[in-house]
Amino acid sequence: MIAVRRAGLAAVTDLGRPGLARQGIPAGGAADQYSAAVANILVGNAEDGPLIEVTASDFVFTAAHAALVAVTGAPATVTVGRWPVRTWEPICVGQRETVSITAIHSGLRVYVAVNGRWQVPHVFGSCAPNAQLGVGTWLRGGDGVEVRSDYRPIDHPVLRHPVFSFGARPPRFGSPYTIEVTTGPDSADVSAAVETLESAEYTVRPESDHVGLRLAGPVPSRRAAAEVLSKGVPAGAVEVPPAPELLVLQRGRPVTAGYPVVAVATRVAQSTLGQVGPGQTIRFRHRTVDEAVQAQRRQRRSLDELVGRARTAFASVGIPYGIRKTLISETRTEGMGL
């Protein structure tokens, strides 16, 4: 059991519900997919399993039993009891020890994974919050989350809180963020779309949220004033609305929209977008589709290598690896027209 002592904006999530756009359901899930996957890998869980996403706030919890924990995402101060510990590596937490995550900076979100089988409700195979479906586990101080684990404490003769060192690769955090994009399907309908995007820095406006980022900066000129028909749009779509701003759609986006899409953030860059907060700046960098695919393959290889190192280390100390997520309260939202 995880007992939440302090929670600002925190929820249980996972990698979302891909493949349901035809039913009008966005993928959702962790805004920074890479950091979330690494956190679960570091504690021996399936990388698409549940974990906690903390957004721009402090988070404090205790574990009823000894636990294997990992904290990834934006830089933050993490302590177990009175002792500082490293992020982006597994942390051995003792029974009833307090884990505190404070001072998140240079990014927006932190991810907390705990080894075990999370007993949380799932809808369409995911526990990710979704306002449209009316589902999600948001956390407040005093809440508890059941996590059943076979983990046993690992004693060390010297270290207070022993950690494994797997060499996980944190991305770069902090302004200006570089967002790599490919050419969008409507770039021909906008004058000098790529040139305009690459020409300046854009600042994230306070009205931004999990649906999309609103960016202040130079806006490419639309060739026609008429609105376009709504059509399917991917996460990462860079849109040119009538207002003097750009929109960059996040994972919580509607699956259709009616603005020209002049560029699309690459799969790797979409995780970066999940860390950009209000007031921070981004720069766009154009990439070909082949370059975007190669970047995604490199990231996938780094995750696979991390899995191999973690699996080998955990096997040597008897920690089960690859715990699958537990689907409880599986709901099909019957009667919702889906």
C-alpha atoms as a PDB file:
ATOM      1  CA  MET A   1       0.000   0.000   0.000  1.00  0.00           C
ATOM      2  CA  ILE A   2       1.209   3.505  -0.903  1.00  0.00           C
ATOM      3  CA  ALA A   3      -0.076   6.084   1.559  1.00  0.00           C
ATOM      4  CA  VAL A   4      -0.184   9.581   0.048  1.00  0.00           C
ATOM      5  CA  ARG A   5       0.830  12.256   2.563  1.00  0.00           C
ATOM      6  CA  ARG A   6       0.903  15.267   0.253  1.00  0.00           C
ATOM      7  CA  ALA A   7      -0.249  15.629  -3.320  1.00  0.00           C
ATOM      8  CA  GLY A   8      -0.611  18.745  -5.384  1.00  0.00           C
ATOM      9  CA  LEU A   9      -1.544  17.678  -8.906  1.00  0.00           C
ATOM     10  CA  ALA A  10      -0.941  13.938  -9.132  1.00  0.00           C
ATOM     11  CA  ALA A  11      -2.715  11.009 -10.770  1.00  0.00           C
ATOM     12  CA  VAL A  12      -2.224   7.330 -11.483  1.00  0.00           C
ATOM     13  CA  THR A  13      -1.643   6.860 -15.197  1.00  0.00           C
ATOM     14  CA  ASP A  14       0.102   4.638 -17.749  1.00  0.00           C
ATOM     15  CA  LEU A  15       0.961   4.883 -21.452  1.00  0.00           C
ATOM     16  CA  GLY A  16      -2.674   5.394 -22.430  1.00  0.00           C
ATOM     17  CA  ARG A  17      -5.214   3.913 -24.858  1.00  0.00           C
ATOM     18  CA  PRO A  18      -3.651   3.840 -28.332  1.00  0.00           C
ATOM     19  CA  GLY A  19      -5.698   2.611 -31.268  1.00  0.00           C
ATOM     20  CA  LEU A  20      -9.110   3.939 -30.217  1.00  0.00           C
ATOM     21  CA  ALA A  21      -9.220   7.139 -32.269  1.00  0.00           C
ATOM     22  CA  ARG A  22     -11.886   5.629 -34.553  1.00  0.00           C
ATOM     23  CA  GLN A  23     -14.125   5.486 -31.493  1.00  0.00           C
ATOM     24  CA  GLY A  24     -13.341   9.128 -30.676  1.00  0.00           C
ATOM     25  CA  ILE A  25     -11.095   8.287 -27.720  1.00  0.00           C
ATOM     26  CA  PRO A  26      -7.680   9.987 -27.589  1.00  0.00           C
ATOM     27  CA  ALA A  27      -4.681   7.935 -26.476  1.00  0.00           C
ATOM     28  CA  GLY A  28      -4.055  10.062 -23.395  1.00  0.00           C
ATOM     29  CA  GLY A  29      -1.720   8.596 -20.799  1.00  0.00           C
ATOM     30  CA  ALA A  30       1.590   9.953 -19.544  1.00  0.00           C
ATOM     31  CA  ALA A  31       2.495  13.255 -21.178  1.00  0.00           C
ATOM     32  CA  ASP A  32       6.172  12.251 -21.177  1.00  0.00           C
ATOM     33  CA  GLN A  33       5.975   8.677 -22.443  1.00  0.00           C
ATOM     34  CA  TYR A  34       9.727   8.122 -22.376  1.00  0.00           C
ATOM     35  CA  SER A  35      10.192   9.109 -18.714  1.00  0.00           C
ATOM     36  CA  ALA A  36       7.184   7.012 -17.702  1.00  0.00           C
ATOM     37  CA  ALA A  37       8.461   3.928 -19.542  1.00  0.00           C
ATOM     38  CA  VAL A  38      11.938   4.268 -18.011  1.00  0.00           C
ATOM     39  CA  ALA A  39      10.510   4.593 -14.492  1.00  0.00           C
ATOM     40  CA  ASN A  40       8.639   1.299 -14.818  1.00  0.00           C
ATOM     41  CA  ILE A  41      11.599  -0.477 -16.406  1.00  0.00           C
ATOM     42  CA  LEU A  42      13.817   0.602 -13.511  1.00  0.00           C
ATOM     43  CA  VAL A  43      11.606  -1.153 -10.947  1.00  0.00           C
ATOM     44  CA  GLY A  44      10.917  -4.314 -12.948  1.00  0.00           C
ATOM     45  CA  ASN A  45       7.384  -3.490 -14.092  1.00  0.00           C
ATOM     46  CA  ALA A  46       6.020  -3.679 -17.619  1.00  0.00           C
ATOM     47  CA  GLU A  47       6.867  -0.356 -19.215  1.00  0.00           C
ATOM     48  CA  ASP A  48       3.194   0.302 -20.019  1.00  0.00           C
ATOM     49  CA  GLY A  49       2.105  -0.369 -16.438  1.00  0.00           C
ATOM     50  CA  PRO A  50       0.554   2.065 -13.929  1.00  0.00           C
ATOM     51  CA  LEU A  51       2.593   4.699 -12.133  1.00  0.00           C
ATOM     52  CA  ILE A  52       2.087   8.175 -10.688  1.00  0.00           C
ATOM     53  CA  GLU A  53       2.404  11.365 -12.727  1.00  0.00           C
ATOM     54  CA  VAL A  54       3.131  14.454 -10.613  1.00  0.00           C
ATOM     55  CA  THR A  55       2.698  17.826 -12.308  1.00  0.00           C
ATOM     56  CA  ALA A  56       4.498  20.947 -11.040  1.00  0.00           C
ATOM     57  CA  SER A  57       3.879  20.221  -7.353  1.00  0.00           C
ATOM     58  CA  ASP A  58       5.322  18.427  -4.341  1.00  0.00           C
ATOM     59  CA  PHE A  59       4.456  14.795  -3.666  1.00  0.00           C
ATOM     60  CA  VAL A  60       5.071  12.858  -0.440  1.00  0.00           C
ATOM     61  CA  PHE A  61       4.192   9.237   0.318  1.00  0.00           C
ATOM     62  CA  THR A  62       5.086   6.276   2.505  1.00  0.00           C
ATOM     63  CA  ALA A  63       5.019   2.576   1.681  1.00  0.00           C
ATOM     64  CA  ALA A  64       3.432   0.121   4.118  1.00  0.00           C
ATOM     65  CA  HIS A  65       6.135  -2.406   3.210  1.00  0.00           C
ATOM     66  CA  ALA A  66       9.648  -2.222   1.782  1.00  0.00           C
ATOM     67  CA  ALA A  67       9.417  -1.055  -1.811  1.00  0.00           C
ATOM     68  CA  LEU A  68      11.506  -0.666  -4.939  1.00  0.00           C
ATOM     69  CA  VAL A  69      10.851   2.830  -6.322  1.00  0.00           C
ATOM     70  CA  ALA A  70      12.099   4.950  -9.227  1.00  0.00           C
ATOM     71  CA  VAL A  71      11.586   8.646  -9.897  1.00  0.00           C
ATOM     72  CA  THR A  72      12.125  10.002 -13.419  1.00  0.00           C
ATOM     73  CA  GLY A  73      10.999  12.979 -15.443  1.00  0.00           C
ATOM     74  CA  ALA A  74      11.960  16.574 -14.715  1.00  0.00           C
ATOM     75  CA  PRO A  75      14.786  17.322 -12.259  1.00  0.00           C
ATOM     76  CA  ALA A  76      13.593  17.378  -8.649  1.00  0.00           C
ATOM     77  CA  THR A  77      14.812  16.956  -5.082  1.00  0.00           C
ATOM     78  CA  VAL A  78      14.033  13.434  -3.843  1.00  0.00           C
ATOM     79  CA  THR A  79      14.628  12.236  -0.292  1.00  0.00           C
ATOM     80  CA  VAL A  80      13.941   8.987   1.547  1.00  0.00           C
ATOM     81  CA  GLY A  81      13.647   9.851   5.215  1.00  0.00           C
ATOM     82  CA  ARG A  82      16.322  12.511   5.684  1.00  0.00           C
ATOM     83  CA  TRP A  83      18.588  11.180   2.935  1.00  0.00           C
ATOM     84  CA  PRO A  84      18.812  12.542  -0.622  1.00  0.00           C
ATOM     85  CA  VAL A  85      18.625   9.906  -3.343  1.00  0.00           C
ATOM     86  CA  ARG A  86      19.233   9.852  -7.079  1.00  0.00           C
ATOM     87  CA  THR A  87      16.560  10.072  -9.724  1.00  0.00           C
ATOM     88  CA  TRP A  88      16.578   7.913 -12.868  1.00  0.00           C
ATOM     89  CA  GLU A  89      17.807   4.903 -10.868  1.00  0.00           C
ATOM     90  CA  PRO A  90      16.023   2.317  -8.657  1.00  0.00           C
ATOM     91  CA  ILE A  91      15.693   3.259  -4.971  1.00  0.00           C
ATOM     92  CA  CYS A  92      15.306   0.747  -2.149  1.00  0.00           C
ATOM     93  CA  VAL A  93      12.775   2.197   0.299  1.00  0.00           C
ATOM     94  CA  GLY A  94      12.333   0.708   3.762  1.00  0.00           C
ATOM     95  CA  GLN A  95       9.042  -0.110   5.434  1.00  0.00           C
ATOM     96  CA  ARG A  96       7.134   3.059   6.414  1.00  0.00           C
ATOM     97  CA  GLU A  97       9.930   5.341   5.198  1.00  0.00           C
ATOM     98  CA  THR A  98       8.796   8.662   3.778  1.00  0.00           C
ATOM     99  CA  VAL A  99       9.607   9.525   0.167  1.00  0.00           C
ATOM    100  CA  SER A 100       9.475  13.253  -0.615  1.00  0.00           C
ATOM    101  CA  ILE A 101       9.597  14.800  -4.082  1.00  0.00           C
ATOM    102  CA  THR A 102       9.988  18.567  -4.054  1.00  0.00           C
ATOM    103  CA  ALA A 103      11.405  21.446  -6.089  1.00  0.00           C
ATOM    104  CA  ILE A 104      10.495  20.186  -9.565  1.00  0.00           C
ATOM    105  CA  HIS A 105      12.306  22.469 -11.989  1.00  0.00           C
ATOM    106  CA  SER A 106      13.417  22.843 -15.615  1.00  0.00           C
ATOM    107  CA  GLY A 107      10.446  20.676 -16.608  1.00  0.00           C
ATOM    108  CA  LEU A 108       6.830  20.094 -15.640  1.00  0.00           C
ATOM    109  CA  ARG A 109       6.271  16.459 -14.717  1.00  0.00           C
ATOM    110  CA  VAL A 110       7.811  13.738 -12.541  1.00  0.00           C
ATOM    111  CA  TYR A 111       6.990  10.020 -12.676  1.00  0.00           C
ATOM    112  CA  VAL A 112       6.962   7.675  -9.667  1.00  0.00           C
ATOM    113  CA  ALA A 113       7.032   3.923 -10.286  1.00  0.00           C
ATOM    114  CA  VAL A 114       6.755   1.242  -7.586  1.00  0.00           C
ATOM    115  CA  ASN A 115       7.523  -2.433  -8.180  1.00  0.00           C
ATOM    116  CA  GLY A 116       4.376  -4.522  -8.087  1.00  0.00           C
ATOM    117  CA  ARG A 117       0.852  -5.134  -9.333  1.00  0.00           C
ATOM    118  CA  TRP A 118      -1.204  -1.954  -9.042  1.00  0.00           C
ATOM    119  CA  GLN A 119      -4.806  -2.501  -7.990  1.00  0.00           C
ATOM    120  CA  VAL A 120      -6.436   0.385  -9.836  1.00  0.00           C
ATOM    121  CA  PRO A 121      -9.470   0.571 -12.136  1.00  0.00           C
ATOM    122  CA  HIS A 122      -8.886   0.214 -15.876  1.00  0.00           C
ATOM    123  CA  VAL A 123     -11.134   1.306 -18.727  1.00  0.00           C
ATOM    124  CA  PHE A 124     -10.398   0.036 -22.244  1.00  0.00           C
ATOM    125  CA  GLY A 125      -7.189  -1.519 -20.928  1.00  0.00           C
ATOM    126  CA  SER A 126      -5.782   1.631 -19.317  1.00  0.00           C
ATOM    127  CA  CYS A 127      -5.924   3.435 -15.984  1.00  0.00           C
ATOM    128  CA  ALA A 128      -5.057   6.826 -17.527  1.00  0.00           C
ATOM    129  CA  PRO A 129      -7.403   9.687 -16.592  1.00  0.00           C
ATOM    130  CA  ASN A 130      -9.830  10.722 -19.315  1.00  0.00           C
ATOM    131  CA  ALA A 131     -12.339  13.522 -18.753  1.00  0.00           C
ATOM    132  CA  GLN A 132     -14.440  12.417 -21.736  1.00  0.00           C
ATOM    133  CA  LEU A 133     -14.909   8.939 -20.254  1.00  0.00           C
ATOM    134  CA  GLY A 134     -15.187  10.318 -16.720  1.00  0.00           C
ATOM    135  CA  VAL A 135     -12.450   8.013 -15.409  1.00  0.00           C
ATOM    136  CA  GLY A 136      -9.156   8.383 -13.592  1.00  0.00           C
ATOM    137  CA  THR A 137      -7.516   8.045 -10.189  1.00  0.00           C
ATOM    138  CA  TRP A 138      -6.494  11.512  -8.981  1.00  0.00           C
ATOM    139  CA  LEU A 139      -4.601  11.534  -5.703  1.00  0.00           C
ATOM    140  CA  ARG A 140      -5.022  13.650  -2.586  1.00  0.00           C
ATOM    141  CA  GLY A 141      -3.365  13.639   0.815  1.00  0.00           C
ATOM    142  CA  GLY A 142      -4.710  10.729   2.849  1.00  0.00           C
ATOM    143  CA  ASP A 143      -5.401   8.504  -0.167  1.00  0.00           C
ATOM    144  CA  GLY A 144      -3.995   5.011  -0.453  1.00  0.00           C
ATOM    145  CA  VAL A 145      -3.092   2.982  -3.554  1.00  0.00           C
ATOM    146  CA  GLU A 146      -2.815  -0.788  -3.289  1.00  0.00           C
ATOM    147  CA  VAL A 147       0.347  -2.170  -4.882  1.00  0.00           C
ATOM    148  CA  ARG A 148       0.973  -5.878  -4.327  1.00  0.00           C
ATOM    149  CA  SER A 149       4.616  -6.802  -4.627  1.00  0.00           C
ATOM    150  CA  ASP A 150       6.924  -9.762  -4.093  1.00  0.00           C
ATOM    151  CA  TYR A 151       9.864  -7.410  -3.523  1.00  0.00           C
ATOM    152  CA  ARG A 152      11.946  -8.049  -0.412  1.00  0.00           C
ATOM    153  CA  PRO A 153      14.432  -5.597   1.149  1.00  0.00           C
ATOM    154  CA  ILE A 154      17.996  -5.683  -0.117  1.00  0.00           C
ATOM    155  CA  ASP A 155      20.498  -5.171   2.711  1.00  0.00           C
ATOM    156  CA  HIS A 156      23.806  -3.429   2.114  1.00  0.00           C
ATOM    157  CA  PRO A 157      26.642  -3.243   4.669  1.00  0.00           C
ATOM    158  CA  VAL A 158      27.512   0.383   3.853  1.00  0.00           C
ATOM    159  CA  LEU A 159      24.835   2.231   1.917  1.00  0.00           C
ATOM    160  CA  ARG A 160      21.793   3.532   3.776  1.00  0.00           C
ATOM    161  CA  HIS A 161      19.640   3.321   0.656  1.00  0.00           C
ATOM    162  CA  PRO A 162      21.374   1.024  -1.846  1.00  0.00           C
ATOM    163  CA  VAL A 163      20.623   1.598  -5.500  1.00  0.00           C
ATOM    164  CA  PHE A 164      21.322  -0.236  -8.691  1.00  0.00           C
ATOM    165  CA  SER A 165      23.014   1.808 -11.385  1.00  0.00           C
ATOM    166  CA  PHE A 166      21.591   0.959 -14.800  1.00  0.00           C
ATOM    167  CA  GLY A 167      22.714   4.013 -16.742  1.00  0.00           C
ATOM    168  CA  ALA A 168      19.269   5.243 -17.787  1.00  0.00           C
ATOM    169  CA  ARG A 169      19.567   8.210 -20.137  1.00  0.00           C
ATOM    170  CA  PRO A 170      17.678  11.319 -18.979  1.00  0.00           C
ATOM    171  CA  PRO A 171      16.835  13.703 -21.806  1.00  0.00           C
ATOM    172  CA  ARG A 172      17.788  17.347 -21.683  1.00  0.00           C
ATOM    173  CA  PHE A 173      15.442  19.520 -19.625  1.00  0.00           C
ATOM    174  CA  GLY A 174      15.083  23.313 -19.662  1.00  0.00           C
ATOM    175  CA  SER A 175      14.387  26.232 -22.000  1.00  0.00           C
ATOM    176  CA  PRO A 176      14.703  26.536 -24.850  1.00  0.00           C
ATOM    177  CA  TYR A 177      13.428  23.059 -25.671  1.00  0.00           C
ATOM    178  CA  THR A 178      14.150  21.802 -29.179  1.00  0.00           C
ATOM    179  CA  ILE A 179      11.090  20.218 -30.774  1.00  0.00           C
ATOM    180  CA  GLU A 180      11.782  18.227 -33.912  1.00  0.00           C
ATOM    181  CA  VAL A 181       8.930  18.209 -36.436  1.00  0.00           C
ATOM    182  CA  THR A 182       8.152  16.701 -39.811  1.00  0.00           C
ATOM    183  CA  THR A 183       6.235  18.502 -42.557  1.00  0.00           C
ATOM    184  CA  GLY A 184       2.494  18.617 -41.890  1.00  0.00           C
ATOM    185  CA  PRO A 185      -0.222  17.609 -44.374  1.00  0.00           C
ATOM    186  CA  ASP A 186      -1.441  21.214 -44.780  1.00  0.00           C
ATOM    187  CA  SER A 187       1.915  22.984 -45.049  1.00  0.00           C
ATOM    188  CA  ALA A 188       1.176  23.951 -48.675  1.00  0.00           C
ATOM    189  CA  ASP A 189      -1.847  25.950 -47.461  1.00  0.00           C
ATOM    190  CA  VAL A 190       0.379  28.183 -45.326  1.00  0.00           C
ATOM    191  CA  SER A 191       3.067  30.538 -46.586  1.00  0.00           C
ATOM    192  CA  ALA A 192       6.657  29.639 -45.593  1.00  0.00           C
ATOM    193  CA  ALA A 193       5.440  27.303 -42.843  1.00  0.00           C
ATOM    194  CA  VAL A 194       8.718  25.528 -42.060  1.00  0.00           C
ATOM    195  CA  GLU A 195      10.827  28.654 -42.476  1.00  0.00           C
ATOM    196  CA  THR A 196       8.611  30.588 -40.061  1.00  0.00           C
ATOM    197  CA  LEU A 197       8.630  27.834 -37.452  1.00  0.00           C
ATOM    198  CA  GLU A 198      12.411  27.543 -37.511  1.00  0.00           C
ATOM    199  CA  SER A 199      13.000  31.291 -37.455  1.00  0.00           C
ATOM    200  CA  ALA A 200      12.259  32.120 -33.817  1.00  0.00           C
ATOM    201  CA  GLU A 201      11.596  30.926 -30.272  1.00  0.00           C
ATOM    202  CA  TYR A 202       8.021  30.372 -29.100  1.00  0.00           C
ATOM    203  CA  THR A 203       6.804  30.915 -25.544  1.00  0.00           C
ATOM    204  CA  VAL A 204       4.228  28.610 -23.943  1.00  0.00           C
ATOM    205  CA  ARG A 205       1.192  30.579 -22.822  1.00  0.00           C
ATOM    206  CA  PRO A 206      -0.494  30.025 -19.412  1.00  0.00           C
ATOM    207  CA  GLU A 207      -3.705  28.782 -21.078  1.00  0.00           C
ATOM    208  CA  SER A 208      -1.921  25.596 -22.149  1.00  0.00           C
ATOM    209  CA  ASP A 209      -2.965  22.213 -20.740  1.00  0.00           C
ATOM    210  CA  HIS A 210      -2.865  18.450 -21.404  1.00  0.00           C
ATOM    211  CA  VAL A 211      -4.964  18.971 -24.554  1.00  0.00           C
ATOM    212  CA  GLY A 212      -2.514  21.329 -26.208  1.00  0.00           C
ATOM    213  CA  LEU A 213       0.094  24.023 -25.865  1.00  0.00           C
ATOM    214  CA  ARG A 214      -0.682  27.577 -26.933  1.00  0.00           C
ATOM    215  CA  LEU A 215       2.427  29.271 -28.273  1.00  0.00           C
ATOM    216  CA  ALA A 216       3.183  32.970 -28.610  1.00  0.00           C
ATOM    217  CA  GLY A 217       5.503  33.849 -31.482  1.00  0.00           C
ATOM    218  CA  PRO A 218       5.599  34.299 -35.263  1.00  0.00           C
ATOM    219  CA  VAL A 219       2.617  32.648 -36.974  1.00  0.00           C
ATOM    220  CA  PRO A 220       2.779  31.500 -40.626  1.00  0.00           C
ATOM    221  CA  SER A 221       0.258  33.212 -42.903  1.00  0.00           C
ATOM    222  CA  ARG A 222      -2.668  31.136 -44.088  1.00  0.00           C
ATOM    223  CA  ARG A 223      -3.235  31.393 -47.844  1.00  0.00           C
ATOM    224  CA  ALA A 224      -7.028  31.196 -47.506  1.00  0.00           C
ATOM    225  CA  ALA A 225      -9.309  32.697 -44.874  1.00  0.00           C
ATOM    226  CA  ALA A 226     -11.947  29.964 -45.217  1.00  0.00           C
ATOM    227  CA  GLU A 227     -12.072  27.329 -42.508  1.00  0.00           C
ATOM    228  CA  VAL A 228     -11.163  23.753 -43.366  1.00  0.00           C
ATOM    229  CA  LEU A 229     -13.306  20.714 -42.647  1.00  0.00           C
ATOM    230  CA  SER A 230     -12.573  18.906 -39.412  1.00  0.00           C
ATOM    231  CA  LYS A 231     -10.428  15.815 -39.873  1.00  0.00           C
ATOM    232  CA  GLY A 232      -8.349  13.424 -37.850  1.00  0.00           C
ATOM    233  CA  VAL A 233      -5.243  14.917 -36.251  1.00  0.00           C
ATOM    234  CA  PRO A 234      -2.346  13.195 -34.469  1.00  0.00           C
ATOM    235  CA  ALA A 235      -0.750  14.066 -31.174  1.00  0.00           C
ATOM    236  CA  GLY A 236       2.032  16.537 -31.872  1.00  0.00           C
ATOM    237  CA  ALA A 237       0.119  18.357 -34.631  1.00  0.00           C
ATOM    238  CA  VAL A 238       1.177  22.009 -34.988  1.00  0.00           C
ATOM    239  CA  GLU A 239      -1.920  23.955 -36.015  1.00  0.00           C
ATOM    240  CA  VAL A 240      -2.454  27.486 -37.303  1.00  0.00           C
ATOM    241  CA  PRO A 241      -5.774  28.821 -35.927  1.00  0.00           C
ATOM    242  CA  PRO A 242      -7.296  32.193 -36.854  1.00  0.00           C
ATOM    243  CA  ALA A 243      -5.957  33.655 -33.595  1.00  0.00           C
ATOM    244  CA  PRO A 244      -2.373  35.033 -33.569  1.00  0.00           C
ATOM    245  CA  GLU A 245      -0.863  31.938 -31.941  1.00  0.00           C
ATOM    246  CA  LEU A 246       0.162  28.370 -32.684  1.00  0.00           C
ATOM    247  CA  LEU A 247      -1.433  25.278 -31.182  1.00  0.00           C
ATOM    248  CA  VAL A 248       0.529  22.101 -30.527  1.00  0.00           C
ATOM    249  CA  LEU A 249      -1.754  19.187 -29.688  1.00  0.00           C
ATOM    250  CA  GLN A 250      -0.894  16.910 -26.764  1.00  0.00           C
ATOM    251  CA  ARG A 251      -2.007  13.358 -25.993  1.00  0.00           C
ATOM    252  CA  GLY A 252      -5.283  14.571 -24.469  1.00  0.00           C
ATOM    253  CA  ARG A 253      -6.313  16.250 -27.732  1.00  0.00           C
ATOM    254  CA  PRO A 254      -9.644  15.759 -29.523  1.00  0.00           C
ATOM    255  CA  VAL A 255      -9.117  13.245 -32.312  1.00  0.00           C
ATOM    256  CA  THR A 256     -10.440  15.694 -34.935  1.00  0.00           C
ATOM    257  CA  ALA A 257      -9.763  19.381 -35.553  1.00  0.00           C
ATOM    258  CA  GLY A 258     -10.398  22.006 -38.221  1.00  0.00           C
ATOM    259  CA  TYR A 259      -7.194  24.063 -38.423  1.00  0.00           C
ATOM    260  CA  PRO A 260      -4.362  23.607 -40.937  1.00  0.00           C
ATOM    261  CA  VAL A 261      -1.663  21.257 -39.635  1.00  0.00           C
ATOM    262  CA  VAL A 262       1.659  22.676 -40.818  1.00  0.00           C
ATOM    263  CA  ALA A 263       3.963  20.311 -38.917  1.00  0.00           C
ATOM    264  CA  VAL A 264       3.863  17.268 -36.626  1.00  0.00           C
ATOM    265  CA  ALA A 265       6.190  16.716 -33.689  1.00  0.00           C
ATOM    266  CA  THR A 266       8.146  13.475 -33.946  1.00  0.00           C
ATOM    267  CA  ARG A 267       7.404  10.625 -31.557  1.00  0.00           C
ATOM    268  CA  VAL A 268      10.527  11.439 -29.536  1.00  0.00           C
ATOM    269  CA  ALA A 269       9.662  15.149 -29.432  1.00  0.00           C
ATOM    270  CA  GLN A 270       6.141  14.443 -28.176  1.00  0.00           C
ATOM    271  CA  SER A 271       7.593  13.278 -24.851  1.00  0.00           C
ATOM    272  CA  THR A 272       9.620  16.484 -24.711  1.00  0.00           C
ATOM    273  CA  LEU A 273       6.436  18.512 -25.246  1.00  0.00           C
ATOM    274  CA  GLY A 274       4.993  16.865 -22.139  1.00  0.00           C
ATOM    275  CA  GLN A 275       7.660  18.605 -20.054  1.00  0.00           C
ATOM    276  CA  VAL A 276       7.297  22.150 -21.394  1.00  0.00           C
ATOM    277  CA  GLY A 277       5.497  24.428 -18.946  1.00  0.00           C
ATOM    278  CA  PRO A 278       3.980  27.924 -19.150  1.00  0.00           C
ATOM    279  CA  GLY A 279       6.577  30.622 -19.686  1.00  0.00           C
ATOM    280  CA  GLN A 280       9.150  28.215 -21.083  1.00  0.00           C
ATOM    281  CA  THR A 281      10.327  28.466 -24.658  1.00  0.00           C
ATOM    282  CA  ILE A 282      10.739  26.061 -27.552  1.00  0.00           C
ATOM    283  CA  ARG A 283      12.449  26.079 -30.923  1.00  0.00           C
ATOM    284  CA  PHE A 284      11.275  23.990 -33.851  1.00  0.00           C
ATOM    285  CA  ARG A 285      13.706  21.975 -35.968  1.00  0.00           C
ATOM    286  CA  HIS A 286      12.581  20.342 -39.198  1.00  0.00           C
ATOM    287  CA  ARG A 287      13.363  16.662 -39.811  1.00  0.00           C
ATOM    288  CA  THR A 288      12.507  14.265 -42.598  1.00  0.00           C
ATOM    289  CA  VAL A 289      10.285  11.298 -41.870  1.00  0.00           C
ATOM    290  CA  ASP A 290      13.293   8.978 -42.219  1.00  0.00           C
ATOM    291  CA  GLU A 291      15.246  11.015 -39.668  1.00  0.00           C
ATOM    292  CA  ALA A 292      12.285  10.933 -37.271  1.00  0.00           C
ATOM    293  CA  VAL A 293      11.969   7.166 -37.638  1.00  0.00           C
ATOM    294  CA  GLN A 294      15.684   6.673 -36.995  1.00  0.00           C
ATOM    295  CA  ALA A 295      15.491   8.797 -33.836  1.00  0.00           C
ATOM    296  CA  GLN A 296      12.564   6.728 -32.581  1.00  0.00           C
ATOM    297  CA  ARG A 297      14.450   3.491 -33.296  1.00  0.00           C
ATOM    298  CA  ARG A 298      17.496   4.760 -31.379  1.00  0.00           C
ATOM    299  CA  GLN A 299      15.308   5.572 -28.400  1.00  0.00           C
ATOM    300  CA  ARG A 300      13.667   2.144 -28.613  1.00  0.00           C
ATOM    301  CA  ARG A 301      17.077   0.467 -28.658  1.00  0.00           C
ATOM    302  CA  SER A 302      18.149   2.407 -25.576  1.00  0.00           C
ATOM    303  CA  LEU A 303      15.008   1.231 -23.754  1.00  0.00           C
ATOM    304  CA  ASP A 304      15.612  -2.374 -24.809  1.00  0.00           C
ATOM    305  CA  GLU A 305      19.200  -2.168 -23.563  1.00  0.00           C
ATOM    306  CA  LEU A 306      17.961  -0.757 -20.256  1.00  0.00           C
ATOM    307  CA  VAL A 307      15.509  -3.645 -19.946  1.00  0.00           C
ATOM    308  CA  GLY A 308      18.373  -6.103 -20.485  1.00  0.00           C
ATOM    309  CA  ARG A 309      20.547  -4.523 -17.772  1.00  0.00           C
ATOM    310  CA  ALA A 310      17.664  -4.347 -15.299  1.00  0.00           C
ATOM    311  CA  ARG A 311      16.527  -7.903 -15.976  1.00  0.00           C
ATOM    312  CA  THR A 312      20.044  -9.259 -15.402  1.00  0.00           C
ATOM    313  CA  ALA A 313      20.569  -7.290 -12.181  1.00  0.00           C
ATOM    314  CA  PHE A 314      17.185  -8.141 -10.700  1.00  0.00           C
ATOM    315  CA  ALA A 315      17.552 -11.832 -11.533  1.00  0.00           C
ATOM    316  CA  SER A 316      20.791 -11.893  -9.546  1.00  0.00           C
ATOM    317  CA  VAL A 317      18.964 -10.777  -6.366  1.00  0.00           C
ATOM    318  CA  GLY A 318      15.701 -12.600  -6.937  1.00  0.00           C
ATOM    319  CA  ILE A 319      13.454  -9.678  -7.943  1.00  0.00           C
ATOM    320  CA  PRO A 320      10.770 -10.691 -10.484  1.00  0.00           C
ATOM    321  CA  TYR A 321      11.024  -8.730 -13.708  1.00  0.00           C
ATOM    322  CA  GLY A 322       8.342  -7.719 -16.188  1.00  0.00           C
ATOM    323  CA  ILE A 323       5.357  -7.571 -13.832  1.00  0.00           C
ATOM    324  CA  ARG A 324       2.251  -7.170 -15.936  1.00  0.00           C
ATOM    325  CA  LYS A 325      -0.346  -4.562 -15.107  1.00  0.00           C
ATOM    326  CA  THR A 326      -3.391  -5.909 -13.270  1.00  0.00           C
ATOM    327  CA  LEU A 327      -6.717  -5.115 -14.926  1.00  0.00           C
ATOM    328  CA  ILE A 328      -9.294  -4.718 -12.175  1.00  0.00           C
ATOM    329  CA  SER A 329     -12.712  -3.120 -12.491  1.00  0.00           C
ATOM    330  CA  GLU A 330     -12.353  -3.429 -16.266  1.00  0.00           C
ATOM    331  CA  THR A 331     -15.144  -1.238 -17.625  1.00  0.00           C
ATOM    332  CA  ARG A 332     -16.473  -1.092 -21.169  1.00  0.00           C
ATOM    333  CA  THR A 333     -18.477   2.124 -20.610  1.00  0.00           C
ATOM    334  CA  GLU A 334     -21.619   0.558 -22.021  1.00  0.00           C
ATOM    335  CA  GLY A 335     -24.369   2.990 -22.859  1.00  0.00           C
ATOM    336  CA  MET A 336     -21.925   5.820 -23.617  1.00  0.00           C
ATOM    337  CA  GLY A 337     -22.295   5.416 -27.364  1.00  0.00           C
ATOM    338  CA  LEU A 338     -18.730   4.139 -27.807  1.00  0.00           C
END
